[in-house]
Amino acid sequence: MTSNGDSRSKSPLKVGWFSTGRGEGSYGLLKAALDAIDSGDLNAELAFVFVNRVKGQTNRTDRFLELVEAQDIPLVTLSSRDFRRANDNRPWAELREDFDCAAIELLGPHSADIAVHAGYMLIAPLLCSEYLTLNLHPALPGGTIGMWQQAVWDVISEGLDETGAMIHVSTEDVDEGPVLSTTKFSVKGEEFTPLWNEVADADITGLKDSVGEELSLFKAIREAGLLRERPLVIETLKAVVAGRIDLIGSGEITDLTQEVEKAVGG
């Protein structure tokens, strides 16, 4: 195992950052990485940021892009929406590889040791072959595959005691690549009990349709997850730099719950 002192003496880990930049979660993840790098806590540099949106699509994405530009990080954008429109609105399943090829061509001038998908909302079969890619997924191994919204609803419908997030290596099999690190947190106890009581006798499907993401329990679980996703990304990258995580694939999963809880003040 490499000490922190040794890792700081090495060249920074060059990270390629992929995001859709569509909301607060994506923005917060990028800001957390930049803050950790600027403070010296993370011996890394962002080699580039790739976003599958362009300026003018949404205000939230514009805010994300402006953050990248303010840091003088190489920014590469290619709108997946415009790409599909330019290809006769063919089903996205038919366009994924073509889009990846176009993205790879644009990224040709840039190099990275690893890539991170942090709020990147596209399945990227060729990108994950081009780069050794770490993906953040808001569920524990064996849990929900797919969108974070479904992960939260599954916690509620199954009445789980805990949930969490994981970092895994991206492969063509969505959310099923080798898991590298995890963090867990309880969704029971003083903070959550009143919220669970509110839905104790409710039809979850009905709540999903009527109240949706405004449900207090849903929001509390999502908020707790978001709070931990950012430090999980940072702590995972730190563990990679320190040699605690084997990117080649030893099969070991590093539980970073302690580090993450310390980061969130738990």
C-alpha atoms as a PDB file:
ATOM      1  CA  MET A   1       0.000   0.000   0.000  1.00  0.00           C
ATOM      2  CA  THR A   2       1.267   3.430  -0.900  1.00  0.00           C
ATOM      3  CA  SER A   3       1.272   6.116   1.763  1.00  0.00           C
ATOM      4  CA  ASN A   4      -0.362   9.482   1.195  1.00  0.00           C
ATOM      5  CA  GLY A   5       3.053  11.082   1.298  1.00  0.00           C
ATOM      6  CA  ASP A   6       4.292   8.815  -1.479  1.00  0.00           C
ATOM      7  CA  SER A   7       1.178   9.410  -3.580  1.00  0.00           C
ATOM      8  CA  ARG A   8       1.584  13.181  -3.347  1.00  0.00           C
ATOM      9  CA  SER A   9       5.146  12.882  -4.701  1.00  0.00           C
ATOM     10  CA  LYS A  10       3.890  11.136  -7.823  1.00  0.00           C
ATOM     11  CA  SER A  11       2.540  12.827 -10.916  1.00  0.00           C
ATOM     12  CA  PRO A  12      -1.138  13.706 -10.532  1.00  0.00           C
ATOM     13  CA  LEU A  13      -3.676  11.144 -11.688  1.00  0.00           C
ATOM     14  CA  LYS A  14      -5.073  12.420 -14.991  1.00  0.00           C
ATOM     15  CA  VAL A  15      -8.845  12.066 -14.913  1.00  0.00           C
ATOM     16  CA  GLY A  16     -11.253  12.427 -17.812  1.00  0.00           C
ATOM     17  CA  TRP A  17     -14.623  13.594 -16.494  1.00  0.00           C
ATOM     18  CA  PHE A  18     -17.874  12.676 -18.272  1.00  0.00           C
ATOM     19  CA  SER A  19     -21.180  14.266 -17.326  1.00  0.00           C
ATOM     20  CA  THR A  20     -24.534  15.279 -18.731  1.00  0.00           C
ATOM     21  CA  GLY A  21     -24.428  18.277 -16.407  1.00  0.00           C
ATOM     22  CA  ARG A  22     -28.156  18.386 -16.046  1.00  0.00           C
ATOM     23  CA  GLY A  23     -28.663  19.068 -12.351  1.00  0.00           C
ATOM     24  CA  GLU A  24     -27.365  19.841  -8.887  1.00  0.00           C
ATOM     25  CA  GLY A  25     -25.967  16.343  -8.429  1.00  0.00           C
ATOM     26  CA  SER A  26     -23.682  16.594 -11.461  1.00  0.00           C
ATOM     27  CA  TYR A  27     -22.584  20.108 -10.532  1.00  0.00           C
ATOM     28  CA  GLY A  28     -21.885  19.112  -6.938  1.00  0.00           C
ATOM     29  CA  LEU A  29     -19.800  16.113  -7.964  1.00  0.00           C
ATOM     30  CA  LEU A  30     -17.612  18.215 -10.235  1.00  0.00           C
ATOM     31  CA  LYS A  31     -17.272  20.977  -7.632  1.00  0.00           C
ATOM     32  CA  ALA A  32     -16.291  18.430  -4.971  1.00  0.00           C
ATOM     33  CA  ALA A  33     -13.560  17.039  -7.228  1.00  0.00           C
ATOM     34  CA  LEU A  34     -12.229  20.499  -8.038  1.00  0.00           C
ATOM     35  CA  ASP A  35     -12.226  21.491  -4.363  1.00  0.00           C
ATOM     36  CA  ALA A  36     -10.354  18.323  -3.374  1.00  0.00           C
ATOM     37  CA  ILE A  37      -7.758  18.918  -6.077  1.00  0.00           C
ATOM     38  CA  ASP A  38      -7.350  22.602  -5.225  1.00  0.00           C
ATOM     39  CA  SER A  39      -6.909  21.833  -1.529  1.00  0.00           C
ATOM     40  CA  GLY A  40      -4.253  19.210  -2.235  1.00  0.00           C
ATOM     41  CA  ASP A  41      -6.405  16.483  -0.719  1.00  0.00           C
ATOM     42  CA  LEU A  42      -6.592  14.677  -4.058  1.00  0.00           C
ATOM     43  CA  ASN A  43      -3.440  14.313  -6.143  1.00  0.00           C
ATOM     44  CA  ALA A  44      -5.164  14.495  -9.511  1.00  0.00           C
ATOM     45  CA  GLU A  45      -5.988  16.809 -12.376  1.00  0.00           C
ATOM     46  CA  LEU A  46      -8.919  16.892 -14.757  1.00  0.00           C
ATOM     47  CA  ALA A  47      -7.483  16.194 -18.187  1.00  0.00           C
ATOM     48  CA  PHE A  48     -10.775  17.130 -19.823  1.00  0.00           C
ATOM     49  CA  VAL A  49     -14.489  17.359 -19.158  1.00  0.00           C
ATOM     50  CA  PHE A  50     -16.881  15.875 -21.721  1.00  0.00           C
ATOM     51  CA  VAL A  51     -20.551  16.871 -21.679  1.00  0.00           C
ATOM     52  CA  ASN A  52     -23.239  15.464 -23.963  1.00  0.00           C
ATOM     53  CA  ARG A  53     -25.023  18.804 -24.000  1.00  0.00           C
ATOM     54  CA  VAL A  54     -24.070  22.223 -25.324  1.00  0.00           C
ATOM     55  CA  LYS A  55     -24.621  25.753 -24.103  1.00  0.00           C
ATOM     56  CA  GLY A  56     -28.176  26.936 -24.425  1.00  0.00           C
ATOM     57  CA  GLN A  57     -29.891  23.588 -23.831  1.00  0.00           C
ATOM     58  CA  THR A  58     -30.733  24.266 -20.180  1.00  0.00           C
ATOM     59  CA  ASN A  59     -29.772  26.821 -17.549  1.00  0.00           C
ATOM     60  CA  ARG A  60     -28.462  24.072 -15.267  1.00  0.00           C
ATOM     61  CA  THR A  61     -26.180  22.693 -17.943  1.00  0.00           C
ATOM     62  CA  ASP A  62     -24.950  26.198 -18.745  1.00  0.00           C
ATOM     63  CA  ARG A  63     -24.016  26.634 -15.080  1.00  0.00           C
ATOM     64  CA  PHE A  64     -22.061  23.367 -15.211  1.00  0.00           C
ATOM     65  CA  LEU A  65     -20.241  24.387 -18.391  1.00  0.00           C
ATOM     66  CA  GLU A  66     -19.396  27.783 -16.938  1.00  0.00           C
ATOM     67  CA  LEU A  67     -17.777  26.103 -13.933  1.00  0.00           C
ATOM     68  CA  VAL A  68     -15.537  24.056 -16.220  1.00  0.00           C
ATOM     69  CA  GLU A  69     -14.603  27.079 -18.313  1.00  0.00           C
ATOM     70  CA  ALA A  70     -13.805  29.135 -15.207  1.00  0.00           C
ATOM     71  CA  GLN A  71     -11.228  26.498 -14.222  1.00  0.00           C
ATOM     72  CA  ASP A  72      -9.552  26.501 -17.656  1.00  0.00           C
ATOM     73  CA  ILE A  73     -10.137  22.772 -17.999  1.00  0.00           C
ATOM     74  CA  PRO A  74     -10.334  21.477 -21.577  1.00  0.00           C
ATOM     75  CA  LEU A  75     -14.066  21.232 -22.310  1.00  0.00           C
ATOM     76  CA  VAL A  76     -15.469  19.001 -25.038  1.00  0.00           C
ATOM     77  CA  THR A  77     -19.188  19.069 -25.801  1.00  0.00           C
ATOM     78  CA  LEU A  78     -21.340  17.064 -28.176  1.00  0.00           C
ATOM     79  CA  SER A  79     -25.095  17.286 -27.847  1.00  0.00           C
ATOM     80  CA  SER A  80     -26.667  13.835 -27.888  1.00  0.00           C
ATOM     81  CA  ARG A  81     -30.016  15.526 -28.524  1.00  0.00           C
ATOM     82  CA  ASP A  82     -28.718  17.309 -31.620  1.00  0.00           C
ATOM     83  CA  PHE A  83     -26.837  14.198 -32.729  1.00  0.00           C
ATOM     84  CA  ARG A  84     -30.042  12.199 -32.737  1.00  0.00           C
ATOM     85  CA  ARG A  85     -31.937  14.925 -34.574  1.00  0.00           C
ATOM     86  CA  ALA A  86     -29.220  14.985 -37.217  1.00  0.00           C
ATOM     87  CA  ASN A  87     -29.678  11.250 -37.643  1.00  0.00           C
ATOM     88  CA  ASP A  88     -33.402  11.305 -38.423  1.00  0.00           C
ATOM     89  CA  ASN A  89     -34.359  10.737 -34.765  1.00  0.00           C
ATOM     90  CA  ARG A  90     -33.452   7.080 -35.055  1.00  0.00           C
ATOM     91  CA  PRO A  91     -33.789   5.059 -31.824  1.00  0.00           C
ATOM     92  CA  TRP A  92     -30.928   5.825 -29.477  1.00  0.00           C
ATOM     93  CA  ALA A  93     -30.042   2.138 -29.288  1.00  0.00           C
ATOM     94  CA  GLU A  94     -29.041   2.371 -32.959  1.00  0.00           C
ATOM     95  CA  LEU A  95     -26.965   5.498 -32.434  1.00  0.00           C
ATOM     96  CA  ARG A  96     -24.984   4.783 -29.261  1.00  0.00           C
ATOM     97  CA  GLU A  97     -21.893   3.438 -30.973  1.00  0.00           C
ATOM     98  CA  ASP A  98     -21.941   6.171 -33.627  1.00  0.00           C
ATOM     99  CA  PHE A  99     -22.188   8.814 -30.907  1.00  0.00           C
ATOM    100  CA  ASP A 100     -19.336   7.219 -28.978  1.00  0.00           C
ATOM    101  CA  CYS A 101     -17.182   7.200 -32.123  1.00  0.00           C
ATOM    102  CA  ALA A 102     -17.874  10.900 -32.630  1.00  0.00           C
ATOM    103  CA  ALA A 103     -17.043  11.614 -28.975  1.00  0.00           C
ATOM    104  CA  ILE A 104     -13.815   9.614 -29.136  1.00  0.00           C
ATOM    105  CA  GLU A 105     -12.741  11.543 -32.225  1.00  0.00           C
ATOM    106  CA  LEU A 106     -13.341  14.868 -30.468  1.00  0.00           C
ATOM    107  CA  LEU A 107     -11.394  13.653 -27.433  1.00  0.00           C
ATOM    108  CA  GLY A 108      -8.434  12.584 -29.560  1.00  0.00           C
ATOM    109  CA  PRO A 109      -6.180  15.504 -28.514  1.00  0.00           C
ATOM    110  CA  HIS A 110      -6.653  14.674 -24.826  1.00  0.00           C
ATOM    111  CA  SER A 111      -5.388  11.769 -22.746  1.00  0.00           C
ATOM    112  CA  ALA A 112      -6.323  10.459 -19.328  1.00  0.00           C
ATOM    113  CA  ASP A 113      -5.217   7.709 -16.957  1.00  0.00           C
ATOM    114  CA  ILE A 114      -8.809   6.903 -16.044  1.00  0.00           C
ATOM    115  CA  ALA A 115     -12.246   8.326 -16.735  1.00  0.00           C
ATOM    116  CA  VAL A 116     -15.120   9.018 -14.368  1.00  0.00           C
ATOM    117  CA  HIS A 117     -18.784   8.975 -15.326  1.00  0.00           C
ATOM    118  CA  ALA A 118     -20.352  11.315 -12.780  1.00  0.00           C
ATOM    119  CA  GLY A 119     -23.916  12.037 -13.791  1.00  0.00           C
ATOM    120  CA  TYR A 120     -23.311  10.880 -17.376  1.00  0.00           C
ATOM    121  CA  MET A 121     -26.741   9.725 -18.472  1.00  0.00           C
ATOM    122  CA  LEU A 122     -25.846   7.767 -21.610  1.00  0.00           C
ATOM    123  CA  ILE A 123     -25.001   4.114 -22.041  1.00  0.00           C
ATOM    124  CA  ALA A 124     -21.550   4.306 -23.632  1.00  0.00           C
ATOM    125  CA  PRO A 125     -20.445   0.930 -25.025  1.00  0.00           C
ATOM    126  CA  LEU A 126     -17.392   2.180 -26.927  1.00  0.00           C
ATOM    127  CA  LEU A 127     -16.361   4.901 -24.494  1.00  0.00           C
ATOM    128  CA  CYS A 128     -15.978   2.391 -21.689  1.00  0.00           C
ATOM    129  CA  SER A 129     -13.733   0.340 -23.981  1.00  0.00           C
ATOM    130  CA  GLU A 130     -11.646   3.381 -24.909  1.00  0.00           C
ATOM    131  CA  TYR A 131     -11.118   4.478 -21.291  1.00  0.00           C
ATOM    132  CA  LEU A 132     -10.879   2.566 -18.045  1.00  0.00           C
ATOM    133  CA  THR A 133     -14.002   4.180 -16.669  1.00  0.00           C
ATOM    134  CA  LEU A 134     -15.322   4.478 -13.135  1.00  0.00           C
ATOM    135  CA  ASN A 135     -19.069   4.917 -12.809  1.00  0.00           C
ATOM    136  CA  LEU A 136     -21.017   6.175  -9.816  1.00  0.00           C
ATOM    137  CA  HIS A 137     -24.220   4.226  -9.180  1.00  0.00           C
ATOM    138  CA  PRO A 138     -26.654   5.162  -6.365  1.00  0.00           C
ATOM    139  CA  ALA A 139     -27.301   1.656  -5.064  1.00  0.00           C
ATOM    140  CA  LEU A 140     -25.378  -1.115  -3.366  1.00  0.00           C
ATOM    141  CA  PRO A 141     -24.102  -4.215  -5.201  1.00  0.00           C
ATOM    142  CA  GLY A 142     -27.003  -6.518  -5.993  1.00  0.00           C
ATOM    143  CA  GLY A 143     -29.467  -3.646  -5.774  1.00  0.00           C
ATOM    144  CA  THR A 144     -31.226  -1.502  -8.354  1.00  0.00           C
ATOM    145  CA  ILE A 145     -29.877  -1.327 -11.882  1.00  0.00           C
ATOM    146  CA  GLY A 146     -30.804   1.852 -13.713  1.00  0.00           C
ATOM    147  CA  MET A 147     -31.807   5.384 -12.789  1.00  0.00           C
ATOM    148  CA  TRP A 148     -31.369   6.861  -9.307  1.00  0.00           C
ATOM    149  CA  GLN A 149     -35.100   7.556  -9.080  1.00  0.00           C
ATOM    150  CA  GLN A 150     -35.850   3.851  -9.317  1.00  0.00           C
ATOM    151  CA  ALA A 151     -33.177   3.106  -6.727  1.00  0.00           C
ATOM    152  CA  VAL A 152     -34.924   5.358  -4.213  1.00  0.00           C
ATOM    153  CA  TRP A 153     -38.357   3.893  -4.946  1.00  0.00           C
ATOM    154  CA  ASP A 154     -36.961   0.395  -4.506  1.00  0.00           C
ATOM    155  CA  VAL A 155     -35.684   1.315  -1.034  1.00  0.00           C
ATOM    156  CA  ILE A 156     -39.173   2.531  -0.124  1.00  0.00           C
ATOM    157  CA  SER A 157     -41.165  -0.300  -1.680  1.00  0.00           C
ATOM    158  CA  GLU A 158     -38.890  -2.955  -0.170  1.00  0.00           C
ATOM    159  CA  GLY A 159     -38.711  -1.240   3.228  1.00  0.00           C
ATOM    160  CA  LEU A 160     -34.931  -1.515   3.334  1.00  0.00           C
ATOM    161  CA  ASP A 161     -32.961  -0.653   6.461  1.00  0.00           C
ATOM    162  CA  GLU A 162     -29.994   0.719   4.546  1.00  0.00           C
ATOM    163  CA  THR A 163     -28.900   1.750   1.126  1.00  0.00           C
ATOM    164  CA  GLY A 164     -25.836   3.384  -0.338  1.00  0.00           C
ATOM    165  CA  ALA A 165     -23.800   3.925  -3.455  1.00  0.00           C
ATOM    166  CA  MET A 166     -21.002   2.228  -5.302  1.00  0.00           C
ATOM    167  CA  ILE A 167     -18.246   2.933  -7.785  1.00  0.00           C
ATOM    168  CA  HIS A 168     -17.779   0.248 -10.410  1.00  0.00           C
ATOM    169  CA  VAL A 169     -15.866  -0.187 -13.647  1.00  0.00           C
ATOM    170  CA  SER A 170     -18.107   0.611 -16.599  1.00  0.00           C
ATOM    171  CA  THR A 171     -18.701  -2.175 -19.077  1.00  0.00           C
ATOM    172  CA  GLU A 172     -21.196  -2.770 -21.859  1.00  0.00           C
ATOM    173  CA  ASP A 173     -23.429  -4.421 -19.249  1.00  0.00           C
ATOM    174  CA  VAL A 174     -25.116  -1.430 -17.624  1.00  0.00           C
ATOM    175  CA  ASP A 175     -24.339  -1.025 -13.906  1.00  0.00           C
ATOM    176  CA  GLU A 176     -22.898  -4.531 -13.743  1.00  0.00           C
ATOM    177  CA  GLY A 177     -19.161  -3.960 -14.089  1.00  0.00           C
ATOM    178  CA  PRO A 178     -16.726  -4.961 -11.315  1.00  0.00           C
ATOM    179  CA  VAL A 179     -17.444  -3.034  -8.115  1.00  0.00           C
ATOM    180  CA  LEU A 180     -14.478  -1.168  -6.655  1.00  0.00           C
ATOM    181  CA  SER A 181     -15.878   0.717  -3.667  1.00  0.00           C
ATOM    182  CA  THR A 182     -19.051   1.244  -1.680  1.00  0.00           C
ATOM    183  CA  THR A 183     -20.541   3.378   1.040  1.00  0.00           C
ATOM    184  CA  LYS A 184     -23.608   2.535   3.129  1.00  0.00           C
ATOM    185  CA  PHE A 185     -26.025   4.527   5.251  1.00  0.00           C
ATOM    186  CA  SER A 186     -29.098   3.744   7.321  1.00  0.00           C
ATOM    187  CA  VAL A 187     -32.547   4.880   6.238  1.00  0.00           C
ATOM    188  CA  LYS A 188     -34.097   4.039   9.579  1.00  0.00           C
ATOM    189  CA  GLY A 189     -33.847   5.709  12.971  1.00  0.00           C
ATOM    190  CA  GLU A 190     -34.839   9.041  14.444  1.00  0.00           C
ATOM    191  CA  GLU A 191     -34.544  11.082  11.239  1.00  0.00           C
ATOM    192  CA  PHE A 192     -36.417   8.637   9.035  1.00  0.00           C
ATOM    193  CA  THR A 193     -38.962   6.942  11.341  1.00  0.00           C
ATOM    194  CA  PRO A 194     -41.657   9.668  11.090  1.00  0.00           C
ATOM    195  CA  LEU A 195     -41.321   9.624   7.309  1.00  0.00           C
ATOM    196  CA  TRP A 196     -41.703   5.851   7.159  1.00  0.00           C
ATOM    197  CA  ASN A 197     -44.761   6.120   9.406  1.00  0.00           C
ATOM    198  CA  GLU A 198     -46.346   8.461   6.866  1.00  0.00           C
ATOM    199  CA  VAL A 199     -46.274   5.733   4.206  1.00  0.00           C
ATOM    200  CA  ALA A 200     -46.824   2.728   6.456  1.00  0.00           C
ATOM    201  CA  ASP A 201     -50.264   1.848   5.100  1.00  0.00           C
ATOM    202  CA  ALA A 202     -49.961   3.544   1.731  1.00  0.00           C
ATOM    203  CA  ASP A 203     -49.950   2.011  -1.713  1.00  0.00           C
ATOM    204  CA  ILE A 204     -46.438   2.807  -2.942  1.00  0.00           C
ATOM    205  CA  THR A 205     -47.422   2.654  -6.595  1.00  0.00           C
ATOM    206  CA  GLY A 206     -50.191   5.137  -5.899  1.00  0.00           C
ATOM    207  CA  LEU A 207     -47.804   7.448  -4.052  1.00  0.00           C
ATOM    208  CA  LYS A 208     -45.344   7.223  -6.902  1.00  0.00           C
ATOM    209  CA  ASP A 209     -48.043   8.340  -9.336  1.00  0.00           C
ATOM    210  CA  SER A 210     -49.679  10.989  -7.152  1.00  0.00           C
ATOM    211  CA  VAL A 211     -46.958  12.519  -4.973  1.00  0.00           C
ATOM    212  CA  GLY A 212     -43.887  11.319  -6.842  1.00  0.00           C
ATOM    213  CA  GLU A 213     -40.509  12.739  -5.956  1.00  0.00           C
ATOM    214  CA  GLU A 214     -42.106  15.307  -3.648  1.00  0.00           C
ATOM    215  CA  LEU A 215     -42.757  12.529  -1.130  1.00  0.00           C
ATOM    216  CA  SER A 216     -40.919  13.480   2.074  1.00  0.00           C
ATOM    217  CA  LEU A 217     -39.376  10.035   2.489  1.00  0.00           C
ATOM    218  CA  PHE A 218     -38.220   9.987  -1.126  1.00  0.00           C
ATOM    219  CA  LYS A 219     -36.577  13.389  -0.742  1.00  0.00           C
ATOM    220  CA  ALA A 220     -34.889  12.450   2.541  1.00  0.00           C
ATOM    221  CA  ILE A 221     -33.385   9.267   1.091  1.00  0.00           C
ATOM    222  CA  ARG A 222     -32.207  11.067  -2.031  1.00  0.00           C
ATOM    223  CA  GLU A 223     -30.708  13.910   0.001  1.00  0.00           C
ATOM    224  CA  ALA A 224     -28.814  11.475   2.219  1.00  0.00           C
ATOM    225  CA  GLY A 225     -27.526   9.677  -0.851  1.00  0.00           C
ATOM    226  CA  LEU A 226     -26.411  12.850  -2.605  1.00  0.00           C
ATOM    227  CA  LEU A 227     -24.571  13.918   0.517  1.00  0.00           C
ATOM    228  CA  ARG A 228     -22.481  10.756   0.340  1.00  0.00           C
ATOM    229  CA  GLU A 229     -22.054  10.318  -3.412  1.00  0.00           C
ATOM    230  CA  ARG A 230     -19.692  13.257  -3.691  1.00  0.00           C
ATOM    231  CA  PRO A 231     -17.223  12.118  -1.015  1.00  0.00           C
ATOM    232  CA  LEU A 232     -17.473   8.535  -2.320  1.00  0.00           C
ATOM    233  CA  VAL A 233     -16.151   9.682  -5.698  1.00  0.00           C
ATOM    234  CA  ILE A 234     -13.347  11.653  -4.053  1.00  0.00           C
ATOM    235  CA  GLU A 235     -12.418   8.944  -1.556  1.00  0.00           C
ATOM    236  CA  THR A 236     -12.381   6.348  -4.339  1.00  0.00           C
ATOM    237  CA  LEU A 237     -10.032   8.448  -6.446  1.00  0.00           C
ATOM    238  CA  LYS A 238      -7.823   8.996  -3.397  1.00  0.00           C
ATOM    239  CA  ALA A 239      -7.766   5.249  -2.801  1.00  0.00           C
ATOM    240  CA  VAL A 240      -6.777   4.682  -6.435  1.00  0.00           C
ATOM    241  CA  VAL A 241      -3.922   7.181  -6.111  1.00  0.00           C
ATOM    242  CA  ALA A 242      -2.796   5.542  -2.852  1.00  0.00           C
ATOM    243  CA  GLY A 243      -2.856   2.052  -4.368  1.00  0.00           C
ATOM    244  CA  ARG A 244      -5.668   0.795  -2.122  1.00  0.00           C
ATOM    245  CA  ILE A 245      -7.889  -0.015  -5.089  1.00  0.00           C
ATOM    246  CA  ASP A 246      -6.783  -2.365  -7.836  1.00  0.00           C
ATOM    247  CA  LEU A 247      -8.183  -1.079 -11.117  1.00  0.00           C
ATOM    248  CA  ILE A 248      -7.087  -4.202 -12.937  1.00  0.00           C
ATOM    249  CA  GLY A 249      -9.719  -6.128 -11.058  1.00  0.00           C
ATOM    250  CA  SER A 250      -8.680  -8.129  -8.006  1.00  0.00           C
ATOM    251  CA  GLY A 251     -12.345  -8.636  -7.194  1.00  0.00           C
ATOM    252  CA  GLU A 252     -12.004  -6.928  -3.819  1.00  0.00           C
ATOM    253  CA  ILE A 253     -14.537  -4.260  -2.867  1.00  0.00           C
ATOM    254  CA  THR A 254     -13.225  -1.424  -0.707  1.00  0.00           C
ATOM    255  CA  ASP A 255     -15.757  -0.265   1.867  1.00  0.00           C
ATOM    256  CA  LEU A 256     -15.262   3.476   2.215  1.00  0.00           C
ATOM    257  CA  THR A 257     -18.175   4.068   4.576  1.00  0.00           C
ATOM    258  CA  GLN A 258     -15.934   5.252   7.389  1.00  0.00           C
ATOM    259  CA  GLU A 259     -14.108   7.757   5.189  1.00  0.00           C
ATOM    260  CA  VAL A 260     -17.322   8.993   3.607  1.00  0.00           C
ATOM    261  CA  GLU A 261     -19.115   9.447   6.935  1.00  0.00           C
ATOM    262  CA  LYS A 262     -16.141  11.379   8.253  1.00  0.00           C
ATOM    263  CA  ALA A 263     -16.311  13.614   5.198  1.00  0.00           C
ATOM    264  CA  VAL A 264     -20.012  14.367   5.723  1.00  0.00           C
ATOM    265  CA  GLY A 265     -19.471  14.966   9.428  1.00  0.00           C
ATOM    266  CA  GLY A 266     -21.235  11.812  10.561  1.00  0.00           C
END
